[in-house]
Amino acid sequence: ENTRAAYPIAHIPSAMREGVCGHPKNVVMLTCDAFGVMPPLARLTPA
């Protein structure tokens, strides 16, 4: 199931080749909840 593709990031047309940017405005933590409990999106405090 773990088939993989390894390619230079330049293969992605929208990639920024320099690989650097400023500080983030948003942090998104992803989960795949198979129990159907978590909402599709929630806003988090720093804690």
PDB file of all heavy atoms in Angstrom:
ATOM      1  N   GLU A   1       0.846  -1.205   0.000  1.00  0.00           N
ATOM      2  CA  GLU A   1       0.000   0.000   0.000  1.00  0.00           C
ATOM      3  C   GLU A   1       0.875   1.246   0.000  1.00  0.00           C
ATOM      4  O   GLU A   1       0.430   2.332  -0.346  1.00  0.00           O
ATOM      5  CB  GLU A   1      -0.892   0.013   1.253  1.00  0.00           C
ATOM      6  CG  GLU A   1      -2.133  -0.852   1.167  1.00  0.00           C
ATOM      7  CD  GLU A   1      -3.284  -0.134   0.488  1.00  0.00           C
ATOM      8  OE1 GLU A   1      -3.375   1.099   0.605  1.00  0.00           O
ATOM      9  OE2 GLU A   1      -4.093  -0.799  -0.175  1.00  0.00           O
ATOM     10  N   ASN A   2       2.127   1.074   0.391  1.00  0.00           N
ATOM     11  CA  ASN A   2       3.025   2.206   0.583  1.00  0.00           C
ATOM     12  C   ASN A   2       3.865   2.480  -0.669  1.00  0.00           C
ATOM     13  O   ASN A   2       5.086   2.592  -0.599  1.00  0.00           O
ATOM     14  CB  ASN A   2       3.932   1.951   1.790  1.00  0.00           C
ATOM     15  CG  ASN A   2       4.723   3.177   2.199  1.00  0.00           C
ATOM     16  OD1 ASN A   2       4.230   4.300   2.122  1.00  0.00           O
ATOM     17  ND2 ASN A   2       5.951   2.967   2.626  1.00  0.00           N
ATOM     18  N   THR A   3       3.220   2.565  -1.828  1.00  0.00           N
ATOM     19  CA  THR A   3       3.952   2.924  -3.045  1.00  0.00           C
ATOM     20  C   THR A   3       4.333   4.399  -2.965  1.00  0.00           C
ATOM     21  O   THR A   3       3.573   5.226  -2.459  1.00  0.00           O
ATOM     22  CB  THR A   3       3.111   2.661  -4.299  1.00  0.00           C
ATOM     23  OG1 THR A   3       1.879   3.381  -4.205  1.00  0.00           O
ATOM     24  CG2 THR A   3       2.810   1.177  -4.446  1.00  0.00           C
ATOM     25  N   ARG A   4       5.503   4.741  -3.483  1.00  0.00           N
ATOM     26  CA  ARG A   4       6.033   6.092  -3.291  1.00  0.00           C
ATOM     27  C   ARG A   4       6.620   6.672  -4.573  1.00  0.00           C
ATOM     28  O   ARG A   4       7.107   5.942  -5.436  1.00  0.00           O
ATOM     29  CB  ARG A   4       7.140   6.069  -2.236  1.00  0.00           C
ATOM     30  CG  ARG A   4       6.666   5.722  -0.830  1.00  0.00           C
ATOM     31  CD  ARG A   4       6.195   6.945  -0.094  1.00  0.00           C
ATOM     32  NE  ARG A   4       5.655   6.634   1.217  1.00  0.00           N
ATOM     33  CZ  ARG A   4       5.331   7.562   2.110  1.00  0.00           C
ATOM     34  NH1 ARG A   4       5.509   8.839   1.818  1.00  0.00           N
ATOM     35  NH2 ARG A   4       4.823   7.221   3.266  1.00  0.00           N
ATOM     36  N   ALA A   5       6.600   7.996  -4.652  1.00  0.00           N
ATOM     37  CA  ALA A   5       7.274   8.723  -5.719  1.00  0.00           C
ATOM     38  C   ALA A   5       8.236   9.713  -5.088  1.00  0.00           C
ATOM     39  O   ALA A   5       7.846  10.490  -4.201  1.00  0.00           O
ATOM     40  CB  ALA A   5       6.266   9.464  -6.591  1.00  0.00           C
ATOM     41  N   ALA A   6       9.493   9.681  -5.514  1.00  0.00           N
ATOM     42  CA  ALA A   6      10.510  10.616  -5.033  1.00  0.00           C
ATOM     43  C   ALA A   6      10.921  11.503  -6.202  1.00  0.00           C
ATOM     44  O   ALA A   6      11.412  11.011  -7.214  1.00  0.00           O
ATOM     45  CB  ALA A   6      11.711   9.858  -4.490  1.00  0.00           C
ATOM     46  N   TYR A   7      10.702  12.806  -6.056  1.00  0.00           N
ATOM     47  CA  TYR A   7      10.963  13.715  -7.176  1.00  0.00           C
ATOM     48  C   TYR A   7      11.451  15.060  -6.666  1.00  0.00           C
ATOM     49  O   TYR A   7      11.147  15.469  -5.534  1.00  0.00           O
ATOM     50  CB  TYR A   7       9.694  13.907  -8.017  1.00  0.00           C
ATOM     51  CG  TYR A   7       8.451  14.233  -7.216  1.00  0.00           C
ATOM     52  CD1 TYR A   7       8.119  15.549  -6.905  1.00  0.00           C
ATOM     53  CD2 TYR A   7       7.592  13.226  -6.769  1.00  0.00           C
ATOM     54  CE1 TYR A   7       6.976  15.847  -6.166  1.00  0.00           C
ATOM     55  CE2 TYR A   7       6.461  13.509  -6.033  1.00  0.00           C
ATOM     56  CZ  TYR A   7       6.157  14.818  -5.745  1.00  0.00           C
ATOM     57  OH  TYR A   7       5.028  15.105  -4.995  1.00  0.00           O
ATOM     58  N   PRO A   8      12.232  15.785  -7.472  1.00  0.00           N
ATOM     59  CA  PRO A   8      12.663  17.128  -7.074  1.00  0.00           C
ATOM     60  C   PRO A   8      11.467  18.058  -6.994  1.00  0.00           C
ATOM     61  O   PRO A   8      10.511  17.929  -7.764  1.00  0.00           O
ATOM     62  CB  PRO A   8      13.631  17.540  -8.187  1.00  0.00           C
ATOM     63  CG  PRO A   8      13.295  16.673  -9.343  1.00  0.00           C
ATOM     64  CD  PRO A   8      12.767  15.386  -8.784  1.00  0.00           C
ATOM     65  N   ILE A   9      11.499  18.992  -6.057  1.00  0.00           N
ATOM     66  CA  ILE A   9      10.357  19.872  -5.849  1.00  0.00           C
ATOM     67  C   ILE A   9      10.084  20.744  -7.076  1.00  0.00           C
ATOM     68  O   ILE A   9       8.963  21.225  -7.268  1.00  0.00           O
ATOM     69  CB  ILE A   9      10.556  20.733  -4.581  1.00  0.00           C
ATOM     70  CG1 ILE A   9       9.206  21.268  -4.089  1.00  0.00           C
ATOM     71  CG2 ILE A   9      11.582  21.831  -4.822  1.00  0.00           C
ATOM     72  CD1 ILE A   9       9.243  21.846  -2.692  1.00  0.00           C
ATOM     73  N   ALA A  10      11.085  20.894  -7.929  1.00  0.00           N
ATOM     74  CA  ALA A  10      10.884  21.662  -9.166  1.00  0.00           C
ATOM     75  C   ALA A  10       9.859  21.010 -10.080  1.00  0.00           C
ATOM     76  O   ALA A  10       9.339  21.658 -10.993  1.00  0.00           O
ATOM     77  CB  ALA A  10      12.216  21.831  -9.903  1.00  0.00           C
ATOM     78  N   HIS A  11       9.544  19.728  -9.864  1.00  0.00           N
ATOM     79  CA  HIS A  11       8.504  19.058 -10.662  1.00  0.00           C
ATOM     80  C   HIS A  11       7.111  19.607 -10.357  1.00  0.00           C
ATOM     81  O   HIS A  11       6.184  19.406 -11.145  1.00  0.00           O
ATOM     82  CB  HIS A  11       8.506  17.548 -10.369  1.00  0.00           C
ATOM     83  CG  HIS A  11       9.541  16.784 -11.151  1.00  0.00           C
ATOM     84  ND1 HIS A  11      10.538  17.381 -11.873  1.00  0.00           N
ATOM     85  CD2 HIS A  11       9.724  15.435 -11.308  1.00  0.00           C
ATOM     86  CE1 HIS A  11      11.289  16.456 -12.445  1.00  0.00           C
ATOM     87  NE2 HIS A  11      10.817  15.274 -12.127  1.00  0.00           N
ATOM     88  N   ILE A  12       6.955  20.274  -9.202  1.00  0.00           N
ATOM     89  CA  ILE A  12       5.664  20.873  -8.835  1.00  0.00           C
ATOM     90  C   ILE A  12       5.633  22.294  -9.378  1.00  0.00           C
ATOM     91  O   ILE A  12       6.430  23.142  -8.967  1.00  0.00           O
ATOM     92  CB  ILE A  12       5.480  20.904  -7.304  1.00  0.00           C
ATOM     93  CG1 ILE A  12       5.484  19.489  -6.735  1.00  0.00           C
ATOM     94  CG2 ILE A  12       4.210  21.635  -6.917  1.00  0.00           C
ATOM     95  CD1 ILE A  12       4.222  18.708  -6.919  1.00  0.00           C
ATOM     96  N   PRO A  13       4.732  22.608 -10.331  1.00  0.00           N
ATOM     97  CA  PRO A  13       4.737  23.943 -10.948  1.00  0.00           C
ATOM     98  C   PRO A  13       4.580  25.079  -9.949  1.00  0.00           C
ATOM     99  O   PRO A  13       5.145  26.161 -10.137  1.00  0.00           O
ATOM    100  CB  PRO A  13       3.534  23.887 -11.901  1.00  0.00           C
ATOM    101  CG  PRO A  13       3.316  22.436 -12.175  1.00  0.00           C
ATOM    102  CD  PRO A  13       3.713  21.723 -10.925  1.00  0.00           C
ATOM    103  N   SER A  14       3.825  24.842  -8.873  1.00  0.00           N
ATOM    104  CA  SER A  14       3.566  25.917  -7.912  1.00  0.00           C
ATOM    105  C   SER A  14       4.611  25.996  -6.804  1.00  0.00           C
ATOM    106  O   SER A  14       4.475  26.786  -5.868  1.00  0.00           O
ATOM    107  CB  SER A  14       2.181  25.727  -7.272  1.00  0.00           C
ATOM    108  OG  SER A  14       2.125  24.499  -6.553  1.00  0.00           O
ATOM    109  N   ALA A  15       5.662  25.175  -6.898  1.00  0.00           N
ATOM    110  CA  ALA A  15       6.660  25.148  -5.826  1.00  0.00           C
ATOM    111  C   ALA A  15       7.561  26.374  -5.868  1.00  0.00           C
ATOM    112  O   ALA A  15       7.906  26.890  -6.942  1.00  0.00           O
ATOM    113  CB  ALA A  15       7.505  23.889  -5.938  1.00  0.00           C
ATOM    114  N   MET A  16       7.944  26.843  -4.689  1.00  0.00           N
ATOM    115  CA  MET A  16       8.912  27.932  -4.565  1.00  0.00           C
ATOM    116  C   MET A  16      10.285  27.296  -4.334  1.00  0.00           C
ATOM    117  O   MET A  16      10.575  26.773  -3.262  1.00  0.00           O
ATOM    118  CB  MET A  16       8.523  28.843  -3.391  1.00  0.00           C
ATOM    119  CG  MET A  16       9.386  30.085  -3.270  1.00  0.00           C
ATOM    120  SD  MET A  16       8.861  31.136  -1.865  1.00  0.00           S
ATOM    121  CE  MET A  16       7.284  31.740  -2.477  1.00  0.00           C
ATOM    122  N   ARG A  17      11.110  27.330  -5.350  1.00  0.00           N
ATOM    123  CA  ARG A  17      12.365  26.580  -5.305  1.00  0.00           C
ATOM    124  C   ARG A  17      13.310  27.057  -4.207  1.00  0.00           C
ATOM    125  O   ARG A  17      14.140  26.290  -3.723  1.00  0.00           O
ATOM    126  CB  ARG A  17      13.070  26.669  -6.663  1.00  0.00           C
ATOM    127  CG  ARG A  17      12.268  26.043  -7.790  1.00  0.00           C
ATOM    128  CD  ARG A  17      13.094  25.905  -9.043  1.00  0.00           C
ATOM    129  NE  ARG A  17      12.298  25.432 -10.164  1.00  0.00           N
ATOM    130  CZ  ARG A  17      12.813  25.011 -11.311  1.00  0.00           C
ATOM    131  NH1 ARG A  17      14.123  25.024 -11.479  1.00  0.00           N
ATOM    132  NH2 ARG A  17      12.037  24.597 -12.293  1.00  0.00           N
ATOM    133  N   GLU A  18      13.196  28.338  -3.806  1.00  0.00           N
ATOM    134  CA  GLU A  18      14.084  28.840  -2.763  1.00  0.00           C
ATOM    135  C   GLU A  18      13.859  28.121  -1.440  1.00  0.00           C
ATOM    136  O   GLU A  18      14.759  28.014  -0.609  1.00  0.00           O
ATOM    137  CB  GLU A  18      13.882  30.342  -2.562  1.00  0.00           C
ATOM    138  CG  GLU A  18      14.220  31.188  -3.778  1.00  0.00           C
ATOM    139  CD  GLU A  18      13.069  31.246  -4.787  1.00  0.00           C
ATOM    140  OE1 GLU A  18      12.035  30.584  -4.544  1.00  0.00           O
ATOM    141  OE2 GLU A  18      13.217  31.943  -5.799  1.00  0.00           O
ATOM    142  N   GLY A  19      12.624  27.637  -1.220  1.00  0.00           N
ATOM    143  CA  GLY A  19      12.331  26.840  -0.036  1.00  0.00           C
ATOM    144  C   GLY A  19      12.320  27.603   1.273  1.00  0.00           C
ATOM    145  O   GLY A  19      12.454  27.003   2.338  1.00  0.00           O
ATOM    146  N   VAL A  20      12.158  28.921   1.221  1.00  0.00           N
ATOM    147  CA  VAL A  20      12.100  29.726   2.444  1.00  0.00           C
ATOM    148  C   VAL A  20      10.954  30.730   2.336  1.00  0.00           C
ATOM    149  O   VAL A  20      10.566  31.141   1.238  1.00  0.00           O
ATOM    150  CB  VAL A  20      13.429  30.476   2.712  1.00  0.00           C
ATOM    151  CG1 VAL A  20      14.568  29.505   2.938  1.00  0.00           C
ATOM    152  CG2 VAL A  20      13.764  31.419   1.557  1.00  0.00           C
ATOM    153  N   CYS A  21      10.403  31.108   3.484  1.00  0.00           N
ATOM    154  CA  CYS A  21       9.368  32.138   3.514  1.00  0.00           C
ATOM    155  C   CYS A  21       9.324  32.726   4.918  1.00  0.00           C
ATOM    156  O   CYS A  21      10.103  32.347   5.791  1.00  0.00           O
ATOM    157  CB  CYS A  21       8.000  31.575   3.117  1.00  0.00           C
ATOM    158  SG  CYS A  21       7.356  30.327   4.243  1.00  0.00           S
ATOM    159  N   GLY A  22       8.402  33.650   5.155  1.00  0.00           N
ATOM    160  CA  GLY A  22       8.306  34.310   6.449  1.00  0.00           C
ATOM    161  C   GLY A  22       7.610  33.437   7.489  1.00  0.00           C
ATOM    162  O   GLY A  22       7.374  32.249   7.294  1.00  0.00           O
ATOM    163  N   HIS A  23       7.268  34.053   8.590  1.00  0.00           N
ATOM    164  CA  HIS A  23       6.591  33.343   9.672  1.00  0.00           C
ATOM    165  C   HIS A  23       5.165  32.999   9.262  1.00  0.00           C
ATOM    166  O   HIS A  23       4.533  33.733   8.499  1.00  0.00           O
ATOM    167  CB  HIS A  23       6.587  34.193  10.941  1.00  0.00           C
ATOM    168  CG  HIS A  23       7.949  34.499  11.465  1.00  0.00           C
ATOM    169  ND1 HIS A  23       8.739  33.564  12.091  1.00  0.00           N
ATOM    170  CD2 HIS A  23       8.685  35.649  11.421  1.00  0.00           C
ATOM    171  CE1 HIS A  23       9.889  34.115  12.433  1.00  0.00           C
ATOM    172  NE2 HIS A  23       9.889  35.376  12.040  1.00  0.00           N
ATOM    173  N   PRO A  24       4.623  31.893   9.769  1.00  0.00           N
ATOM    174  CA  PRO A  24       3.273  31.491   9.361  1.00  0.00           C
ATOM    175  C   PRO A  24       2.196  32.384   9.979  1.00  0.00           C
ATOM    176  O   PRO A  24       2.349  32.896  11.091  1.00  0.00           O
ATOM    177  CB  PRO A  24       3.155  30.057   9.882  1.00  0.00           C
ATOM    178  CG  PRO A  24       4.077  30.009  11.055  1.00  0.00           C
ATOM    179  CD  PRO A  24       5.225  30.899  10.690  1.00  0.00           C
ATOM    180  N   LYS A  25       1.111  32.522   9.252  1.00  0.00           N
ATOM    181  CA  LYS A  25      -0.083  33.181   9.773  1.00  0.00           C
ATOM    182  C   LYS A  25      -1.033  32.148  10.361  1.00  0.00           C
ATOM    183  O   LYS A  25      -1.806  32.438  11.272  1.00  0.00           O
ATOM    184  CB  LYS A  25      -0.783  33.949   8.642  1.00  0.00           C
ATOM    185  CG  LYS A  25      -2.002  34.736   9.076  1.00  0.00           C
ATOM    186  CD  LYS A  25      -2.607  35.487   7.902  1.00  0.00           C
ATOM    187  CE  LYS A  25      -3.871  36.239   8.327  1.00  0.00           C
ATOM    188  NZ  LYS A  25      -4.494  36.958   7.174  1.00  0.00           N
ATOM    189  N   ASN A  26      -0.948  30.909   9.834  1.00  0.00           N
ATOM    190  CA  ASN A  26      -1.824  29.827  10.286  1.00  0.00           C
ATOM    191  C   ASN A  26      -1.041  28.526  10.458  1.00  0.00           C
ATOM    192  O   ASN A  26      -0.131  28.241   9.675  1.00  0.00           O
ATOM    193  CB  ASN A  26      -2.954  29.581   9.283  1.00  0.00           C
ATOM    194  CG  ASN A  26      -3.951  30.719   9.223  1.00  0.00           C
ATOM    195  OD1 ASN A  26      -4.867  30.793  10.026  1.00  0.00           O
ATOM    196  ND2 ASN A  26      -3.762  31.626   8.260  1.00  0.00           N
ATOM    197  N   VAL A  27      -1.426  27.756  11.473  1.00  0.00           N
ATOM    198  CA  VAL A  27      -0.933  26.394  11.676  1.00  0.00           C
ATOM    199  C   VAL A  27      -2.143  25.471  11.671  1.00  0.00           C
ATOM    200  O   VAL A  27      -3.104  25.702  12.417  1.00  0.00           O
ATOM    201  CB  VAL A  27      -0.169  26.254  13.005  1.00  0.00           C
ATOM    202  CG1 VAL A  27      -0.007  24.790  13.377  1.00  0.00           C
ATOM    203  CG2 VAL A  27       1.201  26.921  12.922  1.00  0.00           C
ATOM    204  N   VAL A  28      -2.107  24.463  10.805  1.00  0.00           N
ATOM    205  CA  VAL A  28      -3.216  23.510  10.684  1.00  0.00           C
ATOM    206  C   VAL A  28      -2.710  22.131  11.087  1.00  0.00           C
ATOM    207  O   VAL A  28      -1.740  21.623  10.514  1.00  0.00           O
ATOM    208  CB  VAL A  28      -3.764  23.462   9.244  1.00  0.00           C
ATOM    209  CG1 VAL A  28      -4.952  22.506   9.155  1.00  0.00           C
ATOM    210  CG2 VAL A  28      -4.162  24.859   8.770  1.00  0.00           C
ATOM    211  N   MET A  29      -3.357  21.539  12.094  1.00  0.00           N
ATOM    212  CA  MET A  29      -3.014  20.186  12.522  1.00  0.00           C
ATOM    213  C   MET A  29      -4.049  19.222  11.959  1.00  0.00           C
ATOM    214  O   MET A  29      -5.246  19.379  12.205  1.00  0.00           O
ATOM    215  CB  MET A  29      -2.971  20.105  14.052  1.00  0.00           C
ATOM    216  CG  MET A  29      -1.918  21.021  14.650  1.00  0.00           C
ATOM    217  SD  MET A  29      -1.793  20.875  16.449  1.00  0.00           S
ATOM    218  CE  MET A  29      -0.646  22.230  16.771  1.00  0.00           C
ATOM    219  N   LEU A  30      -3.583  18.254  11.191  1.00  0.00           N
ATOM    220  CA  LEU A  30      -4.479  17.335  10.487  1.00  0.00           C
ATOM    221  C   LEU A  30      -4.639  16.035  11.249  1.00  0.00           C
ATOM    222  O   LEU A  30      -3.672  15.494  11.799  1.00  0.00           O
ATOM    223  CB  LEU A  30      -3.925  17.027   9.094  1.00  0.00           C
ATOM    224  CG  LEU A  30      -3.675  18.218   8.175  1.00  0.00           C
ATOM    225  CD1 LEU A  30      -2.935  17.772   6.929  1.00  0.00           C
ATOM    226  CD2 LEU A  30      -4.977  18.877   7.799  1.00  0.00           C
ATOM    227  N   THR A  31      -5.858  15.529  11.261  1.00  0.00           N
ATOM    228  CA  THR A  31      -6.120  14.203  11.796  1.00  0.00           C
ATOM    229  C   THR A  31      -7.094  13.497  10.869  1.00  0.00           C
ATOM    230  O   THR A  31      -7.892  14.141  10.188  1.00  0.00           O
ATOM    231  CB  THR A  31      -6.707  14.276  13.221  1.00  0.00           C
ATOM    232  OG1 THR A  31      -6.892  12.960  13.717  1.00  0.00           O
ATOM    233  CG2 THR A  31      -8.043  14.987  13.241  1.00  0.00           C
ATOM    234  N   CYS A  32      -6.984  12.194  10.819  1.00  0.00           N
ATOM    235  CA  CYS A  32      -7.963  11.384  10.089  1.00  0.00           C
ATOM    236  C   CYS A  32      -8.696  10.551  11.130  1.00  0.00           C
ATOM    237  O   CYS A  32      -8.257   9.471  11.502  1.00  0.00           O
ATOM    238  CB  CYS A  32      -7.260  10.485   9.059  1.00  0.00           C
ATOM    239  SG  CYS A  32      -8.390   9.374   8.190  1.00  0.00           S
ATOM    240  N   ASP A  33      -9.809  11.109  11.643  1.00  0.00           N
ATOM    241  CA  ASP A  33     -10.556  10.463  12.723  1.00  0.00           C
ATOM    242  C   ASP A  33     -11.514   9.428  12.148  1.00  0.00           C
ATOM    243  O   ASP A  33     -12.523   9.779  11.530  1.00  0.00           O
ATOM    244  CB  ASP A  33     -11.316  11.516  13.526  1.00  0.00           C
ATOM    245  CG  ASP A  33     -12.158  10.897  14.627  1.00  0.00           C
ATOM    246  OD1 ASP A  33     -11.805   9.786  15.068  1.00  0.00           O
ATOM    247  OD2 ASP A  33     -13.170  11.499  15.018  1.00  0.00           O
ATOM    248  N   ALA A  34     -11.204   8.166  12.342  1.00  0.00           N
ATOM    249  CA  ALA A  34     -12.037   7.088  11.798  1.00  0.00           C
ATOM    250  C   ALA A  34     -13.240   6.773  12.677  1.00  0.00           C
ATOM    251  O   ALA A  34     -14.073   5.948  12.303  1.00  0.00           O
ATOM    252  CB  ALA A  34     -11.189   5.831  11.613  1.00  0.00           C
ATOM    253  N   PHE A  35     -13.335   7.423  13.833  1.00  0.00           N
ATOM    254  CA  PHE A  35     -14.471   7.188  14.725  1.00  0.00           C
ATOM    255  C   PHE A  35     -15.635   8.132  14.436  1.00  0.00           C
ATOM    256  O   PHE A  35     -16.726   7.964  14.979  1.00  0.00           O
ATOM    257  CB  PHE A  35     -14.050   7.347  16.189  1.00  0.00           C
ATOM    258  CG  PHE A  35     -12.953   6.407  16.597  1.00  0.00           C
ATOM    259  CD1 PHE A  35     -11.643   6.837  16.656  1.00  0.00           C
ATOM    260  CD2 PHE A  35     -13.228   5.084  16.898  1.00  0.00           C
ATOM    261  CE1 PHE A  35     -10.618   5.979  17.023  1.00  0.00           C
ATOM    262  CE2 PHE A  35     -12.220   4.211  17.265  1.00  0.00           C
ATOM    263  CZ  PHE A  35     -10.905   4.658  17.317  1.00  0.00           C
ATOM    264  N   GLY A  36     -15.402   9.152  13.588  1.00  0.00           N
ATOM    265  CA  GLY A  36     -16.464  10.090  13.254  1.00  0.00           C
ATOM    266  C   GLY A  36     -16.798  11.053  14.368  1.00  0.00           C
ATOM    267  O   GLY A  36     -17.893  11.630  14.386  1.00  0.00           O
ATOM    268  N   VAL A  37     -15.866  11.279  15.301  1.00  0.00           N
ATOM    269  CA  VAL A  37     -16.122  12.114  16.475  1.00  0.00           C
ATOM    270  C   VAL A  37     -15.663  13.551  16.264  1.00  0.00           C
ATOM    271  O   VAL A  37     -16.379  14.505  16.595  1.00  0.00           O
ATOM    272  CB  VAL A  37     -15.423  11.505  17.713  1.00  0.00           C
ATOM    273  CG1 VAL A  37     -15.465  12.476  18.890  1.00  0.00           C
ATOM    274  CG2 VAL A  37     -16.073  10.179  18.079  1.00  0.00           C
ATOM    275  N   MET A  38     -14.475  13.729  15.738  1.00  0.00           N
ATOM    276  CA  MET A  38     -13.904  15.064  15.574  1.00  0.00           C
ATOM    277  C   MET A  38     -14.676  15.868  14.527  1.00  0.00           C
ATOM    278  O   MET A  38     -15.058  15.326  13.478  1.00  0.00           O
ATOM    279  CB  MET A  38     -12.444  14.959  15.145  1.00  0.00           C
ATOM    280  CG  MET A  38     -11.516  14.457  16.228  1.00  0.00           C
ATOM    281  SD  MET A  38     -11.200  15.757  17.421  1.00  0.00           S
ATOM    282  CE  MET A  38      -9.848  15.031  18.338  1.00  0.00           C
ATOM    283  N   PRO A  39     -14.885  17.165  14.761  1.00  0.00           N
ATOM    284  CA  PRO A  39     -15.511  18.002  13.734  1.00  0.00           C
ATOM    285  C   PRO A  39     -14.552  18.194  12.562  1.00  0.00           C
ATOM    286  O   PRO A  39     -13.329  18.044  12.719  1.00  0.00           O
ATOM    287  CB  PRO A  39     -15.760  19.323  14.464  1.00  0.00           C
ATOM    288  CG  PRO A  39     -14.711  19.369  15.527  1.00  0.00           C
ATOM    289  CD  PRO A  39     -14.517  17.946  15.961  1.00  0.00           C
ATOM    290  N   PRO A  40     -15.065  18.519  11.381  1.00  0.00           N
ATOM    291  CA  PRO A  40     -14.172  18.744  10.238  1.00  0.00           C
ATOM    292  C   PRO A  40     -13.164  19.870  10.467  1.00  0.00           C
ATOM    293  O   PRO A  40     -12.084  19.842   9.893  1.00  0.00           O
ATOM    294  CB  PRO A  40     -15.141  19.088   9.103  1.00  0.00           C
ATOM    295  CG  PRO A  40     -16.408  18.397   9.481  1.00  0.00           C
ATOM    296  CD  PRO A  40     -16.483  18.509  10.979  1.00  0.00           C
ATOM    297  N   LEU A  41     -13.515  20.836  11.321  1.00  0.00           N
ATOM    298  CA  LEU A  41     -12.577  21.929  11.609  1.00  0.00           C
ATOM    299  C   LEU A  41     -12.862  22.495  12.996  1.00  0.00           C
ATOM    300  O   LEU A  41     -14.018  22.641  13.389  1.00  0.00           O
ATOM    301  CB  LEU A  41     -12.690  23.047  10.573  1.00  0.00           C
ATOM    302  CG  LEU A  41     -11.654  24.177  10.715  1.00  0.00           C
ATOM    303  CD1 LEU A  41     -10.261  23.691  10.317  1.00  0.00           C
ATOM    304  CD2 LEU A  41     -12.035  25.399   9.880  1.00  0.00           C
ATOM    305  N   ALA A  42     -11.793  22.807  13.735  1.00  0.00           N
ATOM    306  CA  ALA A  42     -11.925  23.463  15.032  1.00  0.00           C
ATOM    307  C   ALA A  42     -10.815  24.496  15.176  1.00  0.00           C
ATOM    308  O   ALA A  42      -9.719  24.329  14.632  1.00  0.00           O
ATOM    309  CB  ALA A  42     -11.843  22.437  16.163  1.00  0.00           C
ATOM    310  N   ARG A  43     -11.119  25.562  15.907  1.00  0.00           N
ATOM    311  CA  ARG A  43     -10.129  26.610  16.175  1.00  0.00           C
ATOM    312  C   ARG A  43      -9.515  26.359  17.551  1.00  0.00           C
ATOM    313  O   ARG A  43     -10.226  26.087  18.519  1.00  0.00           O
ATOM    314  CB  ARG A  43     -10.781  27.986  16.116  1.00  0.00           C
ATOM    315  CG  ARG A  43      -9.816  29.149  16.270  1.00  0.00           C
ATOM    316  CD  ARG A  43     -10.470  30.470  15.894  1.00  0.00           C
ATOM    317  NE  ARG A  43     -11.587  30.818  16.787  1.00  0.00           N
ATOM    318  CZ  ARG A  43     -12.355  31.902  16.625  1.00  0.00           C
ATOM    319  NH1 ARG A  43     -12.139  32.694  15.583  1.00  0.00           N
ATOM    320  NH2 ARG A  43     -13.334  32.161  17.470  1.00  0.00           N
ATOM    321  N   LEU A  44      -8.182  26.467  17.642  1.00  0.00           N
ATOM    322  CA  LEU A  44      -7.467  26.121  18.865  1.00  0.00           C
ATOM    323  C   LEU A  44      -6.828  27.338  19.519  1.00  0.00           C
ATOM    324  O   LEU A  44      -6.310  28.222  18.827  1.00  0.00           O
ATOM    325  CB  LEU A  44      -6.359  25.094  18.570  1.00  0.00           C
ATOM    326  CG  LEU A  44      -6.755  23.811  17.847  1.00  0.00           C
ATOM    327  CD1 LEU A  44      -5.507  22.965  17.575  1.00  0.00           C
ATOM    328  CD2 LEU A  44      -7.778  23.008  18.648  1.00  0.00           C
ATOM    329  N   THR A  45      -6.832  27.373  20.844  1.00  0.00           N
ATOM    330  CA  THR A  45      -6.039  28.338  21.583  1.00  0.00           C
ATOM    331  C   THR A  45      -4.585  27.866  21.568  1.00  0.00           C
ATOM    332  O   THR A  45      -4.307  26.701  21.249  1.00  0.00           O
ATOM    333  CB  THR A  45      -6.512  28.432  23.038  1.00  0.00           C
ATOM    334  OG1 THR A  45      -6.265  27.164  23.686  1.00  0.00           O
ATOM    335  CG2 THR A  45      -8.007  28.760  23.113  1.00  0.00           C
ATOM    336  N   PRO A  46      -3.614  28.725  21.939  1.00  0.00           N
ATOM    337  CA  PRO A  46      -2.223  28.254  22.004  1.00  0.00           C
ATOM    338  C   PRO A  46      -2.035  27.051  22.919  1.00  0.00           C
ATOM    339  O   PRO A  46      -1.262  26.139  22.602  1.00  0.00           O
ATOM    340  CB  PRO A  46      -1.469  29.489  22.525  1.00  0.00           C
ATOM    341  CG  PRO A  46      -2.265  30.645  22.000  1.00  0.00           C
ATOM    342  CD  PRO A  46      -3.697  30.196  22.103  1.00  0.00           C
ATOM    343  N   ALA A  47      -2.749  27.011  24.054  1.00  0.00           N
ATOM    344  CA  ALA A  47      -2.632  25.861  24.954  1.00  0.00           C
ATOM    345  C   ALA A  47      -3.192  24.603  24.302  1.00  0.00           C
ATOM    346  O   ALA A  47      -2.609  23.512  24.410  1.00  0.00           O
ATOM    347  CB  ALA A  47      -3.364  26.144  26.273  1.00  0.00           C
TER     348      ALA A  47
END
